[in-house]
Amino acid sequence: MNVILVYVLAGSFWGDPHIRTLDAANYTFNGLGEYVLLSIDASNVTFSLQARTERATKKDGSLSDATIFTAFAANDHLNSSILIELNTVKDGK
């Protein structure tokens, strides 16, 4: 019987940003701006995941001191890319 071992590293992020890195470290990060979350530059593959954080808006419309993720962009070695942005208009559309 042949056995193939596959190692999977998982990271995550949620909330105002809480981040769990690929090496299982946990952070709370309230930075404001655009950041590289993950960058891979190997001989046969490249990948970049970027994120934007902005101040969160409270229910009364005022700005919170906390930040939230409002956009993500990814690009790979095949020049494929995707951009995901939060709809901040909050008009239900």
PDB file of N, CA and C in Angstrom:
ATOM      1  N   MET A   1       0.844  -1.176   0.000  1.00  0.00           N
ATOM      2  CA  MET A   1       0.000   0.000   0.000  1.00  0.00           C
ATOM      3  C   MET A   1       0.892   1.243   0.000  1.00  0.00           C
ATOM      4  N   ASN A   2       0.607   2.142  -0.907  1.00  0.00           N
ATOM      5  CA  ASN A   2       1.312   3.419  -0.953  1.00  0.00           C
ATOM      6  C   ASN A   2       0.575   4.423  -0.091  1.00  0.00           C
ATOM      7  N   VAL A   3       1.331   5.167   0.664  1.00  0.00           N
ATOM      8  CA  VAL A   3       0.743   6.202   1.518  1.00  0.00           C
ATOM      9  C   VAL A   3       1.271   7.550   1.054  1.00  0.00           C
ATOM     10  N   ILE A   4       0.365   8.465   0.805  1.00  0.00           N
ATOM     11  CA  ILE A   4       0.747   9.819   0.411  1.00  0.00           C
ATOM     12  C   ILE A   4       0.390  10.751   1.555  1.00  0.00           C
ATOM     13  N   LEU A   5       1.380  11.424   2.066  1.00  0.00           N
ATOM     14  CA  LEU A   5       1.146  12.383   3.142  1.00  0.00           C
ATOM     15  C   LEU A   5       0.975  13.770   2.552  1.00  0.00           C
ATOM     16  N   VAL A   6      -0.051  14.443   2.973  1.00  0.00           N
ATOM     17  CA  VAL A   6      -0.304  15.807   2.534  1.00  0.00           C
ATOM     18  C   VAL A   6      -0.376  16.683   3.773  1.00  0.00           C
ATOM     19  N   TYR A   7       0.443  17.691   3.819  1.00  0.00           N
ATOM     20  CA  TYR A   7       0.436  18.618   4.940  1.00  0.00           C
ATOM     21  C   TYR A   7      -0.336  19.867   4.543  1.00  0.00           C
ATOM     22  N   VAL A   8      -1.258  20.252   5.375  1.00  0.00           N
ATOM     23  CA  VAL A   8      -2.073  21.426   5.107  1.00  0.00           C
ATOM     24  C   VAL A   8      -1.859  22.432   6.226  1.00  0.00           C
ATOM     25  N   LEU A   9      -1.514  23.637   5.855  1.00  0.00           N
ATOM     26  CA  LEU A   9      -1.401  24.726   6.813  1.00  0.00           C
ATOM     27  C   LEU A   9      -2.601  25.628   6.624  1.00  0.00           C
ATOM     28  N   ALA A  10      -3.247  25.986   7.706  1.00  0.00           N
ATOM     29  CA  ALA A  10      -4.432  26.839   7.606  1.00  0.00           C
ATOM     30  C   ALA A  10      -4.242  28.080   8.458  1.00  0.00           C
ATOM     31  N   GLY A  11      -4.568  29.206   7.884  1.00  0.00           N
ATOM     32  CA  GLY A  11      -4.608  30.468   8.609  1.00  0.00           C
ATOM     33  C   GLY A  11      -6.009  31.029   8.475  1.00  0.00           C
ATOM     34  N   SER A  12      -6.329  31.997   9.292  1.00  0.00           N
ATOM     35  CA  SER A  12      -7.665  32.597   9.198  1.00  0.00           C
ATOM     36  C   SER A  12      -7.630  34.020   9.724  1.00  0.00           C
ATOM     37  N   PHE A  13      -8.709  34.747   9.439  1.00  0.00           N
ATOM     38  CA  PHE A  13      -8.859  36.107   9.942  1.00  0.00           C
ATOM     39  C   PHE A  13     -10.334  36.401  10.055  1.00  0.00           C
ATOM     40  N   TRP A  14     -10.703  37.190  11.061  1.00  0.00           N
ATOM     41  CA  TRP A  14     -12.104  37.509  11.316  1.00  0.00           C
ATOM     42  C   TRP A  14     -12.174  38.735  12.210  1.00  0.00           C
ATOM     43  N   GLY A  15     -13.357  39.319  12.276  1.00  0.00           N
ATOM     44  CA  GLY A  15     -13.612  40.408  13.224  1.00  0.00           C
ATOM     45  C   GLY A  15     -12.816  41.659  12.946  1.00  0.00           C
ATOM     46  N   ASP A  16     -12.323  42.249  14.005  1.00  0.00           N
ATOM     47  CA  ASP A  16     -11.687  43.577  13.925  1.00  0.00           C
ATOM     48  C   ASP A  16     -10.167  43.455  13.996  1.00  0.00           C
ATOM     49  N   PRO A  17      -9.521  43.197  13.030  1.00  0.00           N
ATOM     50  CA  PRO A  17      -9.042  41.915  12.578  1.00  0.00           C
ATOM     51  C   PRO A  17      -8.308  41.096  13.630  1.00  0.00           C
ATOM     52  N   HIS A  18      -8.791  39.888  13.796  1.00  0.00           N
ATOM     53  CA  HIS A  18      -8.083  38.840  14.534  1.00  0.00           C
ATOM     54  C   HIS A  18      -7.476  37.948  13.462  1.00  0.00           C
ATOM     55  N   ILE A  19      -6.219  37.600  13.648  1.00  0.00           N
ATOM     56  CA  ILE A  19      -5.493  36.849  12.626  1.00  0.00           C
ATOM     57  C   ILE A  19      -4.851  35.625  13.264  1.00  0.00           C
ATOM     58  N   ARG A  20      -5.009  34.483  12.618  1.00  0.00           N
ATOM     59  CA  ARG A  20      -4.297  33.260  12.999  1.00  0.00           C
ATOM     60  C   ARG A  20      -3.390  32.919  11.822  1.00  0.00           C
ATOM     61  N   THR A  21      -2.087  32.940  12.067  1.00  0.00           N
ATOM     62  CA  THR A  21      -1.107  32.745  11.002  1.00  0.00           C
ATOM     63  C   THR A  21      -0.934  31.261  10.667  1.00  0.00           C
ATOM     64  N   LEU A  22      -0.210  30.987   9.595  1.00  0.00           N
ATOM     65  CA  LEU A  22       0.022  29.610   9.169  1.00  0.00           C
ATOM     66  C   LEU A  22       0.798  28.803  10.195  1.00  0.00           C
ATOM     67  N   ASP A  23       1.557  29.473  11.066  1.00  0.00           N
ATOM     68  CA  ASP A  23       2.283  28.764  12.127  1.00  0.00           C
ATOM     69  C   ASP A  23       1.512  28.780  13.451  1.00  0.00           C
ATOM     70  N   ALA A  24       0.200  29.068  13.395  1.00  0.00           N
ATOM     71  CA  ALA A  24      -0.747  28.990  14.520  1.00  0.00           C
ATOM     72  C   ALA A  24      -0.572  30.092  15.564  1.00  0.00           C
ATOM     73  N   ALA A  25       0.097  31.176  15.217  1.00  0.00           N
ATOM     74  CA  ALA A  25       0.175  32.324  16.129  1.00  0.00           C
ATOM     75  C   ALA A  25      -1.095  33.162  15.970  1.00  0.00           C
ATOM     76  N   ASN A  26      -1.570  33.740  17.061  1.00  0.00           N
ATOM     77  CA  ASN A  26      -2.788  34.554  17.046  1.00  0.00           C
ATOM     78  C   ASN A  26      -2.458  36.012  17.327  1.00  0.00           C
ATOM     79  N   TYR A  27      -3.087  36.907  16.570  1.00  0.00           N
ATOM     80  CA  TYR A  27      -2.871  38.341  16.721  1.00  0.00           C
ATOM     81  C   TYR A  27      -4.199  39.079  16.617  1.00  0.00           C
ATOM     82  N   THR A  28      -4.287  40.208  17.293  1.00  0.00           N
ATOM     83  CA  THR A  28      -5.332  41.191  17.037  1.00  0.00           C
ATOM     84  C   THR A  28      -4.615  42.392  16.456  1.00  0.00           C
ATOM     85  N   PHE A  29      -5.071  42.863  15.303  1.00  0.00           N
ATOM     86  CA  PHE A  29      -4.349  43.908  14.584  1.00  0.00           C
ATOM     87  C   PHE A  29      -5.329  44.981  14.144  1.00  0.00           C
ATOM     88  N   ASN A  30      -5.199  46.174  14.692  1.00  0.00           N
ATOM     89  CA  ASN A  30      -6.079  47.278  14.319  1.00  0.00           C
ATOM     90  C   ASN A  30      -5.364  48.304  13.455  1.00  0.00           C
ATOM     91  N   GLY A  31      -4.437  47.842  12.629  1.00  0.00           N
ATOM     92  CA  GLY A  31      -3.758  48.740  11.706  1.00  0.00           C
ATOM     93  C   GLY A  31      -4.718  49.268  10.655  1.00  0.00           C
ATOM     94  N   LEU A  32      -4.369  50.390  10.081  1.00  0.00           N
ATOM     95  CA  LEU A  32      -5.203  51.052   9.084  1.00  0.00           C
ATOM     96  C   LEU A  32      -4.394  51.191   7.804  1.00  0.00           C
ATOM     97  N   GLY A  33      -4.853  50.555   6.718  1.00  0.00           N
ATOM     98  CA  GLY A  33      -4.123  50.678   5.462  1.00  0.00           C
ATOM     99  C   GLY A  33      -4.220  49.432   4.619  1.00  0.00           C
ATOM    100  N   GLU A  34      -3.207  49.228   3.770  1.00  0.00           N
ATOM    101  CA  GLU A  34      -3.156  48.075   2.880  1.00  0.00           C
ATOM    102  C   GLU A  34      -1.927  47.248   3.223  1.00  0.00           C
ATOM    103  N   TYR A  35      -2.120  45.927   3.268  1.00  0.00           N
ATOM    104  CA  TYR A  35      -1.086  45.028   3.770  1.00  0.00           C
ATOM    105  C   TYR A  35      -1.002  43.776   2.912  1.00  0.00           C
ATOM    106  N   VAL A  36       0.180  43.169   2.888  1.00  0.00           N
ATOM    107  CA  VAL A  36       0.361  41.859   2.278  1.00  0.00           C
ATOM    108  C   VAL A  36       0.149  40.827   3.379  1.00  0.00           C
ATOM    109  N   LEU A  37      -0.876  39.979   3.225  1.00  0.00           N
ATOM    110  CA  LEU A  37      -1.153  38.937   4.209  1.00  0.00           C
ATOM    111  C   LEU A  37      -0.341  37.681   3.944  1.00  0.00           C
ATOM    112  N   LEU A  38      -0.097  37.393   2.663  1.00  0.00           N
ATOM    113  CA  LEU A  38       0.627  36.180   2.301  1.00  0.00           C
ATOM    114  C   LEU A  38       1.358  36.418   0.990  1.00  0.00           C
ATOM    115  N   SER A  39       2.612  36.018   0.957  1.00  0.00           N
ATOM    116  CA  SER A  39       3.401  36.142  -0.266  1.00  0.00           C
ATOM    117  C   SER A  39       4.218  34.867  -0.446  1.00  0.00           C
ATOM    118  N   ILE A  40       4.062  34.231  -1.597  1.00  0.00           N
ATOM    119  CA  ILE A  40       4.825  33.029  -1.930  1.00  0.00           C
ATOM    120  C   ILE A  40       5.614  33.338  -3.192  1.00  0.00           C
ATOM    121  N   ASP A  41       6.918  33.103  -3.131  1.00  0.00           N
ATOM    122  CA  ASP A  41       7.778  33.327  -4.293  1.00  0.00           C
ATOM    123  C   ASP A  41       8.709  32.128  -4.421  1.00  0.00           C
ATOM    124  N   ALA A  42       8.201  31.068  -5.018  1.00  0.00           N
ATOM    125  CA  ALA A  42       8.971  29.848  -5.221  1.00  0.00           C
ATOM    126  C   ALA A  42       9.393  29.773  -6.685  1.00  0.00           C
ATOM    127  N   SER A  43      10.222  28.798  -7.010  1.00  0.00           N
ATOM    128  CA  SER A  43      10.737  28.710  -8.380  1.00  0.00           C
ATOM    129  C   SER A  43       9.640  28.464  -9.412  1.00  0.00           C
ATOM    130  N   ASN A  44       8.575  27.761  -9.026  1.00  0.00           N
ATOM    131  CA  ASN A  44       7.538  27.436 -10.006  1.00  0.00           C
ATOM    132  C   ASN A  44       6.180  28.067  -9.707  1.00  0.00           C
ATOM    133  N   VAL A  45       6.075  28.833  -8.647  1.00  0.00           N
ATOM    134  CA  VAL A  45       4.782  29.433  -8.312  1.00  0.00           C
ATOM    135  C   VAL A  45       4.989  30.718  -7.511  1.00  0.00           C
ATOM    136  N   THR A  46       4.165  31.685  -7.817  1.00  0.00           N
ATOM    137  CA  THR A  46       4.115  32.891  -6.994  1.00  0.00           C
ATOM    138  C   THR A  46       2.654  33.160  -6.663  1.00  0.00           C
ATOM    139  N   PHE A  47       2.438  33.731  -5.506  1.00  0.00           N
ATOM    140  CA  PHE A  47       1.080  34.053  -5.070  1.00  0.00           C
ATOM    141  C   PHE A  47       1.173  35.198  -4.077  1.00  0.00           C
ATOM    142  N   SER A  48       0.243  36.126  -4.182  1.00  0.00           N
ATOM    143  CA  SER A  48       0.191  37.248  -3.247  1.00  0.00           C
ATOM    144  C   SER A  48      -1.258  37.472  -2.832  1.00  0.00           C
ATOM    145  N   LEU A  49      -1.474  37.623  -1.527  1.00  0.00           N
ATOM    146  CA  LEU A  49      -2.787  37.960  -0.991  1.00  0.00           C
ATOM    147  C   LEU A  49      -2.640  39.258  -0.217  1.00  0.00           C
ATOM    148  N   GLN A  50      -3.355  40.280  -0.659  1.00  0.00           N
ATOM    149  CA  GLN A  50      -3.302  41.589  -0.021  1.00  0.00           C
ATOM    150  C   GLN A  50      -4.656  41.901   0.591  1.00  0.00           C
ATOM    151  N   ALA A  51      -4.641  42.761   1.621  1.00  0.00           N
ATOM    152  CA  ALA A  51      -5.890  43.155   2.277  1.00  0.00           C
ATOM    153  C   ALA A  51      -5.866  44.643   2.594  1.00  0.00           C
ATOM    154  N   ARG A  52      -7.054  45.218   2.644  1.00  0.00           N
ATOM    155  CA  ARG A  52      -7.217  46.617   3.052  1.00  0.00           C
ATOM    156  C   ARG A  52      -8.044  46.639   4.333  1.00  0.00           C
ATOM    157  N   THR A  53      -7.615  47.460   5.290  1.00  0.00           N
ATOM    158  CA  THR A  53      -8.406  47.674   6.500  1.00  0.00           C
ATOM    159  C   THR A  53      -8.810  49.141   6.568  1.00  0.00           C
ATOM    160  N   GLU A  54     -10.014  49.365   7.082  1.00  0.00           N
ATOM    161  CA  GLU A  54     -10.530  50.712   7.287  1.00  0.00           C
ATOM    162  C   GLU A  54     -11.222  50.752   8.642  1.00  0.00           C
ATOM    163  N   ARG A  55     -11.436  51.947   9.152  1.00  0.00           N
ATOM    164  CA  ARG A  55     -12.135  52.075  10.429  1.00  0.00           C
ATOM    165  C   ARG A  55     -13.570  51.589  10.287  1.00  0.00           C
ATOM    166  N   ALA A  56     -14.021  50.846  11.269  1.00  0.00           N
ATOM    167  CA  ALA A  56     -15.395  50.341  11.273  1.00  0.00           C
ATOM    168  C   ALA A  56     -16.354  51.486  11.574  1.00  0.00           C
ATOM    169  N   THR A  57     -17.553  51.385  11.027  1.00  0.00           N
ATOM    170  CA  THR A  57     -18.595  52.376  11.276  1.00  0.00           C
ATOM    171  C   THR A  57     -19.570  51.820  12.308  1.00  0.00           C
ATOM    172  N   LYS A  58     -19.844  52.599  13.335  1.00  0.00           N
ATOM    173  CA  LYS A  58     -20.796  52.186  14.372  1.00  0.00           C
ATOM    174  C   LYS A  58     -22.226  52.337  13.860  1.00  0.00           C
ATOM    175  N   LYS A  59     -23.185  51.782  14.606  1.00  0.00           N
ATOM    176  CA  LYS A  59     -24.596  51.868  14.210  1.00  0.00           C
ATOM    177  C   LYS A  59     -25.069  53.304  14.076  1.00  0.00           C
ATOM    178  N   ASP A  60     -24.502  54.224  14.886  1.00  0.00           N
ATOM    179  CA  ASP A  60     -24.927  55.631  14.819  1.00  0.00           C
ATOM    180  C   ASP A  60     -24.236  56.407  13.699  1.00  0.00           C
ATOM    181  N   GLY A  61     -23.392  55.720  12.912  1.00  0.00           N
ATOM    182  CA  GLY A  61     -22.713  56.357  11.787  1.00  0.00           C
ATOM    183  C   GLY A  61     -21.339  56.911  12.110  1.00  0.00           C
ATOM    184  N   SER A  62     -20.973  56.964  13.383  1.00  0.00           N
ATOM    185  CA  SER A  62     -19.643  57.465  13.747  1.00  0.00           C
ATOM    186  C   SER A  62     -18.599  56.369  13.538  1.00  0.00           C
ATOM    187  N   LEU A  63     -17.342  56.790  13.426  1.00  0.00           N
ATOM    188  CA  LEU A  63     -16.261  55.839  13.191  1.00  0.00           C
ATOM    189  C   LEU A  63     -15.759  55.247  14.498  1.00  0.00           C
ATOM    190  N   SER A  64     -15.523  53.956  14.478  1.00  0.00           N
ATOM    191  CA  SER A  64     -14.965  53.235  15.613  1.00  0.00           C
ATOM    192  C   SER A  64     -13.443  53.352  15.583  1.00  0.00           C
ATOM    193  N   ASP A  65     -12.795  53.096  16.713  1.00  0.00           N
ATOM    194  CA  ASP A  65     -11.335  53.021  16.730  1.00  0.00           C
ATOM    195  C   ASP A  65     -10.850  51.684  16.163  1.00  0.00           C
ATOM    196  N   ALA A  66     -11.735  50.699  16.097  1.00  0.00           N
ATOM    197  CA  ALA A  66     -11.384  49.390  15.550  1.00  0.00           C
ATOM    198  C   ALA A  66     -11.383  49.449  14.024  1.00  0.00           C
ATOM    199  N   THR A  67     -10.614  48.562  13.410  1.00  0.00           N
ATOM    200  CA  THR A  67     -10.601  48.461  11.954  1.00  0.00           C
ATOM    201  C   THR A  67     -11.181  47.115  11.532  1.00  0.00           C
ATOM    202  N   ILE A  68     -11.620  47.062  10.282  1.00  0.00           N
ATOM    203  CA  ILE A  68     -12.152  45.831   9.699  1.00  0.00           C
ATOM    204  C   ILE A  68     -11.555  45.647   8.312  1.00  0.00           C
ATOM    205  N   PHE A  69     -11.535  44.397   7.852  1.00  0.00           N
ATOM    206  CA  PHE A  69     -11.126  44.138   6.477  1.00  0.00           C
ATOM    207  C   PHE A  69     -12.217  44.637   5.540  1.00  0.00           C
ATOM    208  N   THR A  70     -11.835  45.441   4.544  1.00  0.00           N
ATOM    209  CA  THR A  70     -12.811  45.947   3.578  1.00  0.00           C
ATOM    210  C   THR A  70     -12.506  45.517   2.145  1.00  0.00           C
ATOM    211  N   ALA A  71     -11.341  44.929   1.908  1.00  0.00           N
ATOM    212  CA  ALA A  71     -11.015  44.459   0.559  1.00  0.00           C
ATOM    213  C   ALA A  71      -9.897  43.430   0.619  1.00  0.00           C
ATOM    214  N   PHE A  72      -9.936  42.513  -0.355  1.00  0.00           N
ATOM    215  CA  PHE A  72      -8.884  41.519  -0.538  1.00  0.00           C
ATOM    216  C   PHE A  72      -8.564  41.447  -2.023  1.00  0.00           C
ATOM    217  N   ALA A  73      -7.295  41.249  -2.331  1.00  0.00           N
ATOM    218  CA  ALA A  73      -6.868  41.059  -3.716  1.00  0.00           C
ATOM    219  C   ALA A  73      -5.846  39.930  -3.742  1.00  0.00           C
ATOM    220  N   ALA A  74      -5.953  39.076  -4.748  1.00  0.00           N
ATOM    221  CA  ALA A  74      -5.014  37.967  -4.895  1.00  0.00           C
ATOM    222  C   ALA A  74      -4.522  37.922  -6.335  1.00  0.00           C
ATOM    223  N   ASN A  75      -3.263  37.492  -6.499  1.00  0.00           N
ATOM    224  CA  ASN A  75      -2.648  37.382  -7.813  1.00  0.00           C
ATOM    225  C   ASN A  75      -1.711  36.182  -7.788  1.00  0.00           C
ATOM    226  N   ASP A  76      -1.655  35.417  -8.892  1.00  0.00           N
ATOM    227  CA  ASP A  76      -0.770  34.260  -8.929  1.00  0.00           C
ATOM    228  C   ASP A  76       0.183  34.311 -10.123  1.00  0.00           C
ATOM    229  N   HIS A  77       0.997  33.260 -10.253  1.00  0.00           N
ATOM    230  CA  HIS A  77       2.031  33.208 -11.291  1.00  0.00           C
ATOM    231  C   HIS A  77       1.461  33.110 -12.703  1.00  0.00           C
ATOM    232  N   LEU A  78       0.195  32.764 -12.839  1.00  0.00           N
ATOM    233  CA  LEU A  78      -0.443  32.727 -14.154  1.00  0.00           C
ATOM    234  C   LEU A  78      -1.073  34.065 -14.514  1.00  0.00           C
ATOM    235  N   ASN A  79      -0.851  35.047 -13.663  1.00  0.00           N
ATOM    236  CA  ASN A  79      -1.406  36.390 -13.798  1.00  0.00           C
ATOM    237  C   ASN A  79      -2.930  36.407 -13.642  1.00  0.00           C
ATOM    238  N   SER A  80      -3.444  35.400 -12.950  1.00  0.00           N
ATOM    239  CA  SER A  80      -4.858  35.405 -12.580  1.00  0.00           C
ATOM    240  C   SER A  80      -5.008  36.276 -11.346  1.00  0.00           C
ATOM    241  N   SER A  81      -6.086  37.030 -11.291  1.00  0.00           N
ATOM    242  CA  SER A  81      -6.274  37.899 -10.131  1.00  0.00           C
ATOM    243  C   SER A  81      -7.750  38.016  -9.795  1.00  0.00           C
ATOM    244  N   ILE A  82      -8.000  38.393  -8.545  1.00  0.00           N
ATOM    245  CA  ILE A  82      -9.360  38.623  -8.075  1.00  0.00           C
ATOM    246  C   ILE A  82      -9.327  39.753  -7.053  1.00  0.00           C
ATOM    247  N   LEU A  83     -10.369  40.565  -7.064  1.00  0.00           N
ATOM    248  CA  LEU A  83     -10.521  41.656  -6.100  1.00  0.00           C
ATOM    249  C   LEU A  83     -11.903  41.528  -5.475  1.00  0.00           C
ATOM    250  N   ILE A  84     -11.960  41.546  -4.164  1.00  0.00           N
ATOM    251  CA  ILE A  84     -13.221  41.483  -3.426  1.00  0.00           C
ATOM    252  C   ILE A  84     -13.267  42.695  -2.514  1.00  0.00           C
ATOM    253  N   GLU A  85     -14.331  43.500  -2.633  1.00  0.00           N
ATOM    254  CA  GLU A  85     -14.468  44.704  -1.815  1.00  0.00           C
ATOM    255  C   GLU A  85     -15.802  44.710  -1.083  1.00  0.00           C
ATOM    256  N   LEU A  86     -15.792  45.233   0.128  1.00  0.00           N
ATOM    257  CA  LEU A  86     -16.993  45.393   0.929  1.00  0.00           C
ATOM    258  C   LEU A  86     -17.835  46.533   0.375  1.00  0.00           C
ATOM    259  N   ASN A  87     -19.141  46.333   0.278  1.00  0.00           N
ATOM    260  CA  ASN A  87     -20.053  47.403  -0.112  1.00  0.00           C
ATOM    261  C   ASN A  87     -20.289  48.269   1.121  1.00  0.00           C
ATOM    262  N   THR A  88     -19.701  49.452   1.146  1.00  0.00           N
ATOM    263  CA  THR A  88     -19.807  50.326   2.322  1.00  0.00           C
ATOM    264  C   THR A  88     -20.994  51.269   2.256  1.00  0.00           C
ATOM    265  N   VAL A  89     -21.754  51.230   1.171  1.00  0.00           N
ATOM    266  CA  VAL A  89     -22.905  52.123   1.027  1.00  0.00           C
ATOM    267  C   VAL A  89     -24.011  51.743   2.004  1.00  0.00           C
ATOM    268  N   LYS A  90     -24.140  50.454   2.308  1.00  0.00           N
ATOM    269  CA  LYS A  90     -25.131  49.946   3.267  1.00  0.00           C
ATOM    270  C   LYS A  90     -26.552  50.348   2.901  1.00  0.00           C
ATOM    271  N   ASP A  91     -26.874  50.219   1.614  1.00  0.00           N
ATOM    272  CA  ASP A  91     -28.224  50.552   1.163  1.00  0.00           C
ATOM    273  C   ASP A  91     -29.041  49.294   0.871  1.00  0.00           C
ATOM    274  N   GLY A  92     -28.517  48.141   1.264  1.00  0.00           N
ATOM    275  CA  GLY A  92     -29.229  46.890   1.064  1.00  0.00           C
ATOM    276  C   GLY A  92     -29.057  46.282  -0.305  1.00  0.00           C
ATOM    277  N   LYS A  93     -28.218  46.854  -1.155  1.00  0.00           N
ATOM    278  CA  LYS A  93     -28.014  46.331  -2.517  1.00  0.00           C
ATOM    279  C   LYS A  93     -26.683  45.634  -2.635  1.00  0.00           C
TER     280      LYS A  93
END
